[in-house]
Amino acid sequence: MFKVKLFLISISCLGLLSILPLKTAYAEEIQFAVNTVEVKLSFIGIICEGPFFRTSGCVAIGDGLGRYNVFYSAENNLFPPFGTWRCFVHPDPICFALSTGRGTFCLEERSPQENVRITLKETSGEHFQFASDNYPSGKCGILSVNSFLGDRPQQHKPDKDTFSFADTEGDEVTLRLEEDGSVGHIGEEAGFRFRGPIGSASLNEFRTGELPLEITTTIPESGEYEIVIDQKNILNDLRYRGGYVITLDTSLDDVDEIVPSRDVE
């Protein structure tokens, strides 16, 4: 009797498996390949990181003899791999030493989809130049966030919105504050401040006046920085009230998001 039950259970499991979607070898994958023809070191390490916490992990790359070596495959599934990817090159095959080369590119959705082709060039002191041959370098679009300034009519005190983001020393950033034309506004002037890192006074840039306002500067030290939009010290009739957009463009493409604080409505 036990053998009969076991046989029936086995048949039931096989029937269930026949209707479940199984992962097959035919799933669409986008391969990442690197050319190291201009790299002098025998072996280096490379790590690429992308959307939905995807990572190649540290992969040892040897002499490609002028060919592209496939080192990673990103499956296009429920969590698509399209978006900004960052890659770090290490002068050792286990990625123990600090990275001495980095690059960012935008993996676009295309038809037909192309595999990623990367070229590395060794410069001086085991440093590397990184380039994606067939996808645009840099992030997929400029980072932006939008909100509303002075959206509580009963509020008589000047309104203030604060945002923050983490950045790396040496990054050249351009911040721009402009009106959000989709929601409208009254008034023209606002304050636009960029400061940090939090707990330090290394950077404190301020602009005031009619929108658009722009701040371009270099990050003095790694840390978390604040963006402040406010109506302080602006005559009531001139205060900007309405939707606005903050855009952030960076040279190192290290910033993933602009985070609103509790005072952002």
C-alpha atoms as a PDB file:
ATOM      1  CA  MET A   1       0.000   0.000   0.000  1.00  0.00           C
ATOM      2  CA  PHE A   2       2.864   2.397   0.834  1.00  0.00           C
ATOM      3  CA  LYS A   3       4.505   1.742  -2.534  1.00  0.00           C
ATOM      4  CA  VAL A   4       1.243   2.484  -4.336  1.00  0.00           C
ATOM      5  CA  LYS A   5       0.845   5.830  -2.493  1.00  0.00           C
ATOM      6  CA  LEU A   6       4.451   6.747  -3.246  1.00  0.00           C
ATOM      7  CA  PHE A   7       3.912   5.928  -6.921  1.00  0.00           C
ATOM      8  CA  LEU A   8       0.762   8.077  -7.043  1.00  0.00           C
ATOM      9  CA  ILE A   9       2.572  10.991  -5.369  1.00  0.00           C
ATOM     10  CA  SER A  10       5.392  10.719  -7.892  1.00  0.00           C
ATOM     11  CA  ILE A  11       2.928  10.770 -10.797  1.00  0.00           C
ATOM     12  CA  SER A  12       1.183  13.827  -9.266  1.00  0.00           C
ATOM     13  CA  CYS A  13       4.496  15.677  -8.900  1.00  0.00           C
ATOM     14  CA  LEU A  14       5.381  14.961 -12.510  1.00  0.00           C
ATOM     15  CA  GLY A  15       2.012  16.309 -13.593  1.00  0.00           C
ATOM     16  CA  LEU A  16       2.546  19.465 -11.529  1.00  0.00           C
ATOM     17  CA  LEU A  17       6.006  20.000 -12.982  1.00  0.00           C
ATOM     18  CA  SER A  18       4.568  19.745 -16.481  1.00  0.00           C
ATOM     19  CA  ILE A  19       2.418  22.852 -15.911  1.00  0.00           C
ATOM     20  CA  LEU A  20       4.926  24.955 -13.947  1.00  0.00           C
ATOM     21  CA  PRO A  21       7.054  27.465 -15.919  1.00  0.00           C
ATOM     22  CA  LEU A  22      10.604  26.162 -15.844  1.00  0.00           C
ATOM     23  CA  LYS A  23      13.756  28.162 -16.457  1.00  0.00           C
ATOM     24  CA  THR A  24      15.294  26.936 -19.681  1.00  0.00           C
ATOM     25  CA  ALA A  25      18.470  27.517 -21.599  1.00  0.00           C
ATOM     26  CA  TYR A  26      16.446  29.627 -24.029  1.00  0.00           C
ATOM     27  CA  ALA A  27      15.987  32.549 -21.592  1.00  0.00           C
ATOM     28  CA  GLU A  28      17.211  35.805 -23.129  1.00  0.00           C
ATOM     29  CA  GLU A  29      20.606  36.759 -21.752  1.00  0.00           C
ATOM     30  CA  ILE A  30      22.789  39.755 -22.490  1.00  0.00           C
ATOM     31  CA  GLN A  31      26.447  38.886 -22.390  1.00  0.00           C
ATOM     32  CA  PHE A  32      29.148  41.233 -21.118  1.00  0.00           C
ATOM     33  CA  ALA A  33      32.493  40.889 -22.887  1.00  0.00           C
ATOM     34  CA  VAL A  34      35.776  42.762 -22.380  1.00  0.00           C
ATOM     35  CA  ASN A  35      38.745  43.386 -24.649  1.00  0.00           C
ATOM     36  CA  THR A  36      42.102  43.693 -22.844  1.00  0.00           C
ATOM     37  CA  VAL A  37      44.413  43.905 -25.842  1.00  0.00           C
ATOM     38  CA  GLU A  38      45.940  47.135 -24.458  1.00  0.00           C
ATOM     39  CA  VAL A  39      46.384  45.806 -20.895  1.00  0.00           C
ATOM     40  CA  LYS A  40      49.920  44.809 -19.904  1.00  0.00           C
ATOM     41  CA  LEU A  41      49.067  42.884 -16.720  1.00  0.00           C
ATOM     42  CA  SER A  42      48.581  39.128 -17.155  1.00  0.00           C
ATOM     43  CA  PHE A  43      45.428  39.093 -15.029  1.00  0.00           C
ATOM     44  CA  ILE A  44      43.094  41.766 -13.703  1.00  0.00           C
ATOM     45  CA  GLY A  45      39.741  41.714 -11.910  1.00  0.00           C
ATOM     46  CA  ILE A  46      36.496  43.340 -12.996  1.00  0.00           C
ATOM     47  CA  ILE A  47      33.158  43.831 -11.225  1.00  0.00           C
ATOM     48  CA  CYS A  48      30.022  45.182 -12.910  1.00  0.00           C
ATOM     49  CA  GLU A  49      26.905  46.195 -10.956  1.00  0.00           C
ATOM     50  CA  GLY A  50      23.497  47.076 -12.333  1.00  0.00           C
ATOM     51  CA  PRO A  51      19.745  47.378 -11.645  1.00  0.00           C
ATOM     52  CA  PHE A  52      17.962  45.189  -9.075  1.00  0.00           C
ATOM     53  CA  PHE A  53      21.230  44.522  -7.201  1.00  0.00           C
ATOM     54  CA  ARG A  54      22.700  42.623 -10.140  1.00  0.00           C
ATOM     55  CA  THR A  55      26.428  42.016  -9.944  1.00  0.00           C
ATOM     56  CA  SER A  56      28.940  40.016 -11.887  1.00  0.00           C
ATOM     57  CA  GLY A  57      31.005  39.537  -8.740  1.00  0.00           C
ATOM     58  CA  CYS A  58      34.763  39.691  -9.109  1.00  0.00           C
ATOM     59  CA  VAL A  59      35.818  38.006 -12.352  1.00  0.00           C
ATOM     60  CA  ALA A  60      39.460  37.340 -13.273  1.00  0.00           C
ATOM     61  CA  ILE A  61      40.278  38.474 -16.811  1.00  0.00           C
ATOM     62  CA  GLY A  62      43.355  37.194 -18.621  1.00  0.00           C
ATOM     63  CA  ASP A  63      45.027  38.061 -21.911  1.00  0.00           C
ATOM     64  CA  GLY A  64      42.300  38.294 -24.536  1.00  0.00           C
ATOM     65  CA  LEU A  65      44.755  38.223 -27.439  1.00  0.00           C
ATOM     66  CA  GLY A  66      42.765  40.997 -29.073  1.00  0.00           C
ATOM     67  CA  ARG A  67      39.422  39.229 -28.653  1.00  0.00           C
ATOM     68  CA  TYR A  68      36.402  39.969 -26.480  1.00  0.00           C
ATOM     69  CA  ASN A  69      36.183  37.653 -23.461  1.00  0.00           C
ATOM     70  CA  VAL A  70      32.693  37.008 -22.064  1.00  0.00           C
ATOM     71  CA  PHE A  71      32.769  37.392 -18.273  1.00  0.00           C
ATOM     72  CA  TYR A  72      29.107  37.811 -17.303  1.00  0.00           C
ATOM     73  CA  SER A  73      25.557  37.245 -18.562  1.00  0.00           C
ATOM     74  CA  ALA A  74      22.556  39.294 -17.405  1.00  0.00           C
ATOM     75  CA  GLU A  75      19.246  37.493 -17.797  1.00  0.00           C
ATOM     76  CA  ASN A  76      16.334  39.560 -19.076  1.00  0.00           C
ATOM     77  CA  ASN A  77      13.553  38.312 -16.816  1.00  0.00           C
ATOM     78  CA  LEU A  78      10.893  39.738 -14.500  1.00  0.00           C
ATOM     79  CA  PHE A  79      13.553  42.182 -13.241  1.00  0.00           C
ATOM     80  CA  PRO A  80      15.035  43.571 -16.471  1.00  0.00           C
ATOM     81  CA  PRO A  81      18.732  44.479 -16.552  1.00  0.00           C
ATOM     82  CA  PHE A  82      18.216  47.714 -18.480  1.00  0.00           C
ATOM     83  CA  GLY A  83      19.482  50.889 -16.850  1.00  0.00           C
ATOM     84  CA  THR A  84      22.716  52.275 -15.430  1.00  0.00           C
ATOM     85  CA  TRP A  85      25.655  49.892 -14.930  1.00  0.00           C
ATOM     86  CA  ARG A  86      28.896  50.650 -13.081  1.00  0.00           C
ATOM     87  CA  CYS A  87      32.071  48.642 -13.557  1.00  0.00           C
ATOM     88  CA  PHE A  88      35.240  48.663 -11.448  1.00  0.00           C
ATOM     89  CA  VAL A  89      38.631  47.398 -12.618  1.00  0.00           C
ATOM     90  CA  HIS A  90      41.191  46.050 -10.148  1.00  0.00           C
ATOM     91  CA  PRO A  91      44.911  45.415 -10.815  1.00  0.00           C
ATOM     92  CA  ASP A  92      44.609  41.916  -9.326  1.00  0.00           C
ATOM     93  CA  PRO A  93      42.386  38.962 -10.291  1.00  0.00           C
ATOM     94  CA  ILE A  94      40.599  38.677  -6.913  1.00  0.00           C
ATOM     95  CA  CYS A  95      39.691  42.374  -6.630  1.00  0.00           C
ATOM     96  CA  PHE A  96      41.528  42.687  -3.309  1.00  0.00           C
ATOM     97  CA  ALA A  97      43.394  45.863  -4.237  1.00  0.00           C
ATOM     98  CA  LEU A  98      41.517  49.150  -4.643  1.00  0.00           C
ATOM     99  CA  SER A  99      39.998  49.663  -8.069  1.00  0.00           C
ATOM    100  CA  THR A 100      42.168  51.768 -10.375  1.00  0.00           C
ATOM    101  CA  GLY A 101      39.680  52.096 -13.192  1.00  0.00           C
ATOM    102  CA  ARG A 102      35.950  52.628 -13.401  1.00  0.00           C
ATOM    103  CA  GLY A 103      33.262  53.267 -15.945  1.00  0.00           C
ATOM    104  CA  THR A 104      29.507  53.807 -16.204  1.00  0.00           C
ATOM    105  CA  PHE A 105      27.277  53.047 -19.148  1.00  0.00           C
ATOM    106  CA  CYS A 106      23.584  52.884 -19.980  1.00  0.00           C
ATOM    107  CA  LEU A 107      22.313  49.445 -20.982  1.00  0.00           C
ATOM    108  CA  GLU A 108      19.456  50.351 -23.301  1.00  0.00           C
ATOM    109  CA  GLU A 109      16.598  48.110 -24.394  1.00  0.00           C
ATOM    110  CA  ARG A 110      17.077  47.487 -28.101  1.00  0.00           C
ATOM    111  CA  SER A 111      15.628  45.312 -30.835  1.00  0.00           C
ATOM    112  CA  PRO A 112      17.509  43.191 -31.569  1.00  0.00           C
ATOM    113  CA  GLN A 113      19.388  43.337 -28.283  1.00  0.00           C
ATOM    114  CA  GLU A 114      23.180  43.695 -28.484  1.00  0.00           C
ATOM    115  CA  ASN A 115      25.660  42.119 -26.117  1.00  0.00           C
ATOM    116  CA  VAL A 116      27.799  44.568 -24.121  1.00  0.00           C
ATOM    117  CA  ARG A 117      31.319  45.141 -25.451  1.00  0.00           C
ATOM    118  CA  ILE A 118      33.861  46.815 -23.158  1.00  0.00           C
ATOM    119  CA  THR A 119      37.402  47.927 -23.949  1.00  0.00           C
ATOM    120  CA  LEU A 120      40.059  48.473 -21.284  1.00  0.00           C
ATOM    121  CA  LYS A 121      43.268  50.413 -21.772  1.00  0.00           C
ATOM    122  CA  GLU A 122      46.081  50.416 -19.252  1.00  0.00           C
ATOM    123  CA  THR A 123      47.548  53.882 -18.722  1.00  0.00           C
ATOM    124  CA  SER A 124      50.224  54.435 -16.083  1.00  0.00           C
ATOM    125  CA  GLY A 125      50.743  52.908 -12.647  1.00  0.00           C
ATOM    126  CA  GLU A 126      48.314  50.059 -13.300  1.00  0.00           C
ATOM    127  CA  HIS A 127      45.440  52.475 -13.902  1.00  0.00           C
ATOM    128  CA  PHE A 128      42.828  51.743 -16.535  1.00  0.00           C
ATOM    129  CA  GLN A 129      40.586  53.612 -18.930  1.00  0.00           C
ATOM    130  CA  PHE A 130      37.156  52.038 -19.342  1.00  0.00           C
ATOM    131  CA  ALA A 131      34.843  52.399 -22.339  1.00  0.00           C
ATOM    132  CA  SER A 132      31.669  50.689 -23.487  1.00  0.00           C
ATOM    133  CA  ASP A 133      31.952  50.270 -27.242  1.00  0.00           C
ATOM    134  CA  ASN A 134      28.288  49.977 -28.161  1.00  0.00           C
ATOM    135  CA  TYR A 135      26.229  51.523 -25.342  1.00  0.00           C
ATOM    136  CA  PRO A 136      26.295  55.189 -24.247  1.00  0.00           C
ATOM    137  CA  SER A 137      28.730  56.052 -21.479  1.00  0.00           C
ATOM    138  CA  GLY A 138      27.347  57.650 -18.327  1.00  0.00           C
ATOM    139  CA  LYS A 139      24.029  57.200 -16.558  1.00  0.00           C
ATOM    140  CA  CYS A 140      20.672  56.661 -18.249  1.00  0.00           C
ATOM    141  CA  GLY A 141      19.533  60.265 -18.146  1.00  0.00           C
ATOM    142  CA  ILE A 142      20.175  63.029 -15.640  1.00  0.00           C
ATOM    143  CA  LEU A 143      18.973  62.361 -12.085  1.00  0.00           C
ATOM    144  CA  SER A 144      15.985  64.497 -11.057  1.00  0.00           C
ATOM    145  CA  VAL A 145      13.358  64.924  -8.347  1.00  0.00           C
ATOM    146  CA  ASN A 146      10.285  67.143  -8.151  1.00  0.00           C
ATOM    147  CA  SER A 147       8.128  68.572  -5.373  1.00  0.00           C
ATOM    148  CA  PHE A 148       6.009  71.592  -4.392  1.00  0.00           C
ATOM    149  CA  LEU A 149       7.102  74.700  -2.509  1.00  0.00           C
ATOM    150  CA  GLY A 150       4.643  76.541  -0.271  1.00  0.00           C
ATOM    151  CA  ASP A 151       1.685  74.240  -0.883  1.00  0.00           C
ATOM    152  CA  ARG A 152      -0.113  74.946   2.413  1.00  0.00           C
ATOM    153  CA  PRO A 153      -2.157  78.185   2.080  1.00  0.00           C
ATOM    154  CA  GLN A 154      -2.590  78.499   5.872  1.00  0.00           C
ATOM    155  CA  GLN A 155       1.181  78.478   6.323  1.00  0.00           C
ATOM    156  CA  HIS A 156       2.498  81.980   7.013  1.00  0.00           C
ATOM    157  CA  LYS A 157       6.128  81.071   7.667  1.00  0.00           C
ATOM    158  CA  PRO A 158       8.486  80.668   4.709  1.00  0.00           C
ATOM    159  CA  ASP A 159       8.442  77.100   3.406  1.00  0.00           C
ATOM    160  CA  LYS A 160      11.562  74.951   3.113  1.00  0.00           C
ATOM    161  CA  ASP A 161      12.290  71.612   1.399  1.00  0.00           C
ATOM    162  CA  THR A 162      15.454  69.605   2.069  1.00  0.00           C
ATOM    163  CA  PHE A 163      16.950  66.765   0.037  1.00  0.00           C
ATOM    164  CA  SER A 164      20.174  64.807   0.405  1.00  0.00           C
ATOM    165  CA  PHE A 165      22.475  62.510  -1.535  1.00  0.00           C
ATOM    166  CA  ALA A 166      25.811  60.783  -0.966  1.00  0.00           C
ATOM    167  CA  ASP A 167      28.708  61.663  -3.248  1.00  0.00           C
ATOM    168  CA  THR A 168      32.439  61.114  -3.734  1.00  0.00           C
ATOM    169  CA  GLU A 169      35.343  63.528  -3.354  1.00  0.00           C
ATOM    170  CA  GLY A 170      36.357  65.115  -6.651  1.00  0.00           C
ATOM    171  CA  ASP A 171      32.974  64.681  -8.345  1.00  0.00           C
ATOM    172  CA  GLU A 172      31.991  67.691 -10.461  1.00  0.00           C
ATOM    173  CA  VAL A 173      28.284  68.360  -9.987  1.00  0.00           C
ATOM    174  CA  THR A 174      25.744  70.679 -11.568  1.00  0.00           C
ATOM    175  CA  LEU A 175      22.490  71.275  -9.707  1.00  0.00           C
ATOM    176  CA  ARG A 176      19.619  73.093 -11.372  1.00  0.00           C
ATOM    177  CA  LEU A 177      16.349  74.342  -9.879  1.00  0.00           C
ATOM    178  CA  GLU A 178      13.553  75.147 -12.330  1.00  0.00           C
ATOM    179  CA  GLU A 179       9.786  75.373 -12.454  1.00  0.00           C
ATOM    180  CA  ASP A 180       7.654  72.312 -13.097  1.00  0.00           C
ATOM    181  CA  GLY A 181       5.548  73.465 -16.013  1.00  0.00           C
ATOM    182  CA  SER A 182       3.057  70.640 -15.582  1.00  0.00           C
ATOM    183  CA  VAL A 183       1.606  72.015 -12.313  1.00  0.00           C
ATOM    184  CA  GLY A 184       2.082  75.784 -12.542  1.00  0.00           C
ATOM    185  CA  HIS A 185       3.197  78.362  -9.971  1.00  0.00           C
ATOM    186  CA  ILE A 186       2.865  81.929  -8.677  1.00  0.00           C
ATOM    187  CA  GLY A 187       5.757  84.166  -7.671  1.00  0.00           C
ATOM    188  CA  GLU A 188       9.221  83.962  -9.165  1.00  0.00           C
ATOM    189  CA  GLU A 189      11.954  83.851  -6.521  1.00  0.00           C
ATOM    190  CA  ALA A 190      13.341  81.143  -4.252  1.00  0.00           C
ATOM    191  CA  GLY A 191      16.520  80.274  -2.376  1.00  0.00           C
ATOM    192  CA  PHE A 192      18.719  77.414  -3.600  1.00  0.00           C
ATOM    193  CA  ARG A 193      21.444  76.089  -1.288  1.00  0.00           C
ATOM    194  CA  PHE A 194      23.913  73.203  -1.589  1.00  0.00           C
ATOM    195  CA  ARG A 195      25.978  72.351   1.477  1.00  0.00           C
ATOM    196  CA  GLY A 196      27.889  69.605   3.242  1.00  0.00           C
ATOM    197  CA  PRO A 197      29.024  67.106   3.939  1.00  0.00           C
ATOM    198  CA  ILE A 198      26.558  66.907   6.838  1.00  0.00           C
ATOM    199  CA  GLY A 199      28.422  67.810  10.019  1.00  0.00           C
ATOM    200  CA  SER A 200      31.001  69.859   8.148  1.00  0.00           C
ATOM    201  CA  ALA A 201      31.175  73.261   6.486  1.00  0.00           C
ATOM    202  CA  SER A 202      33.443  72.311   3.591  1.00  0.00           C
ATOM    203  CA  LEU A 203      30.873  73.406   1.014  1.00  0.00           C
ATOM    204  CA  ASN A 204      28.133  76.028   1.232  1.00  0.00           C
ATOM    205  CA  GLU A 205      26.909  77.344  -2.127  1.00  0.00           C
ATOM    206  CA  PHE A 206      23.850  79.596  -2.258  1.00  0.00           C
ATOM    207  CA  ARG A 207      21.809  81.181  -5.036  1.00  0.00           C
ATOM    208  CA  THR A 208      18.664  83.301  -4.772  1.00  0.00           C
ATOM    209  CA  GLY A 209      16.419  84.983  -7.297  1.00  0.00           C
ATOM    210  CA  GLU A 210      14.171  84.049 -10.186  1.00  0.00           C
ATOM    211  CA  LEU A 211      14.073  80.457 -11.342  1.00  0.00           C
ATOM    212  CA  PRO A 212      15.900  78.763 -12.990  1.00  0.00           C
ATOM    213  CA  LEU A 213      18.870  78.747 -10.585  1.00  0.00           C
ATOM    214  CA  GLU A 214      22.045  76.724 -11.057  1.00  0.00           C
ATOM    215  CA  ILE A 215      25.002  75.647  -8.900  1.00  0.00           C
ATOM    216  CA  THR A 216      28.144  74.072 -10.349  1.00  0.00           C
ATOM    217  CA  THR A 217      30.898  72.941  -7.979  1.00  0.00           C
ATOM    218  CA  THR A 218      33.319  70.147  -7.052  1.00  0.00           C
ATOM    219  CA  ILE A 219      32.694  67.842  -4.089  1.00  0.00           C
ATOM    220  CA  PRO A 220      35.490  68.593  -1.562  1.00  0.00           C
ATOM    221  CA  GLU A 221      35.207  65.354   0.437  1.00  0.00           C
ATOM    222  CA  SER A 222      33.167  62.164   0.350  1.00  0.00           C
ATOM    223  CA  GLY A 223      29.972  62.240   2.390  1.00  0.00           C
ATOM    224  CA  GLU A 224      26.299  63.140   2.411  1.00  0.00           C
ATOM    225  CA  TYR A 225      25.264  66.539   1.048  1.00  0.00           C
ATOM    226  CA  GLU A 226      22.091  68.611   1.395  1.00  0.00           C
ATOM    227  CA  ILE A 227      20.031  70.564  -1.114  1.00  0.00           C
ATOM    228  CA  VAL A 228      17.727  73.197   0.402  1.00  0.00           C
ATOM    229  CA  ILE A 229      14.921  75.010  -1.443  1.00  0.00           C
ATOM    230  CA  ASP A 230      13.302  77.797   0.591  1.00  0.00           C
ATOM    231  CA  GLN A 231      11.370  81.106   0.646  1.00  0.00           C
ATOM    232  CA  LYS A 232      13.417  82.683   3.440  1.00  0.00           C
ATOM    233  CA  ASN A 233      14.188  86.439   3.187  1.00  0.00           C
ATOM    234  CA  ILE A 234      12.060  86.796   0.045  1.00  0.00           C
ATOM    235  CA  LEU A 235       9.160  89.283  -0.071  1.00  0.00           C
ATOM    236  CA  ASN A 236       5.789  87.576   0.161  1.00  0.00           C
ATOM    237  CA  ASP A 237       4.649  88.838  -3.252  1.00  0.00           C
ATOM    238  CA  LEU A 238       7.789  87.462  -4.907  1.00  0.00           C
ATOM    239  CA  ARG A 239       7.956  84.080  -3.177  1.00  0.00           C
ATOM    240  CA  TYR A 240       7.842  81.128  -5.528  1.00  0.00           C
ATOM    241  CA  ARG A 241       4.818  78.900  -4.801  1.00  0.00           C
ATOM    242  CA  GLY A 242       4.314  75.872  -6.987  1.00  0.00           C
ATOM    243  CA  GLY A 243       5.909  72.840  -8.521  1.00  0.00           C
ATOM    244  CA  TYR A 244       9.626  72.676  -9.105  1.00  0.00           C
ATOM    245  CA  VAL A 245      12.200  70.225 -10.466  1.00  0.00           C
ATOM    246  CA  ILE A 246      15.761  69.652  -9.226  1.00  0.00           C
ATOM    247  CA  THR A 247      18.166  68.038 -11.696  1.00  0.00           C
ATOM    248  CA  LEU A 248      21.606  66.703 -10.812  1.00  0.00           C
ATOM    249  CA  ASP A 249      24.363  65.999 -13.312  1.00  0.00           C
ATOM    250  CA  THR A 250      27.635  64.454 -12.055  1.00  0.00           C
ATOM    251  CA  SER A 251      30.959  63.658 -13.677  1.00  0.00           C
ATOM    252  CA  LEU A 252      31.582  60.398 -11.778  1.00  0.00           C
ATOM    253  CA  ASP A 253      28.007  59.060 -12.094  1.00  0.00           C
ATOM    254  CA  ASP A 254      28.178  57.881  -8.480  1.00  0.00           C
ATOM    255  CA  VAL A 255      24.836  59.243  -7.266  1.00  0.00           C
ATOM    256  CA  ASP A 256      21.889  56.823  -7.430  1.00  0.00           C
ATOM    257  CA  GLU A 257      19.115  58.895  -5.860  1.00  0.00           C
ATOM    258  CA  ILE A 258      18.154  62.217  -4.313  1.00  0.00           C
ATOM    259  CA  VAL A 259      16.408  61.524  -0.987  1.00  0.00           C
ATOM    260  CA  PRO A 260      13.671  63.884   0.322  1.00  0.00           C
ATOM    261  CA  SER A 261      13.608  64.698   4.039  1.00  0.00           C
ATOM    262  CA  ARG A 262      10.531  64.958   6.256  1.00  0.00           C
ATOM    263  CA  ASP A 263       9.988  68.639   5.457  1.00  0.00           C
ATOM    264  CA  VAL A 264       9.264  67.848   1.789  1.00  0.00           C
ATOM    265  CA  GLU A 265       5.487  67.843   1.263  1.00  0.00           C
END
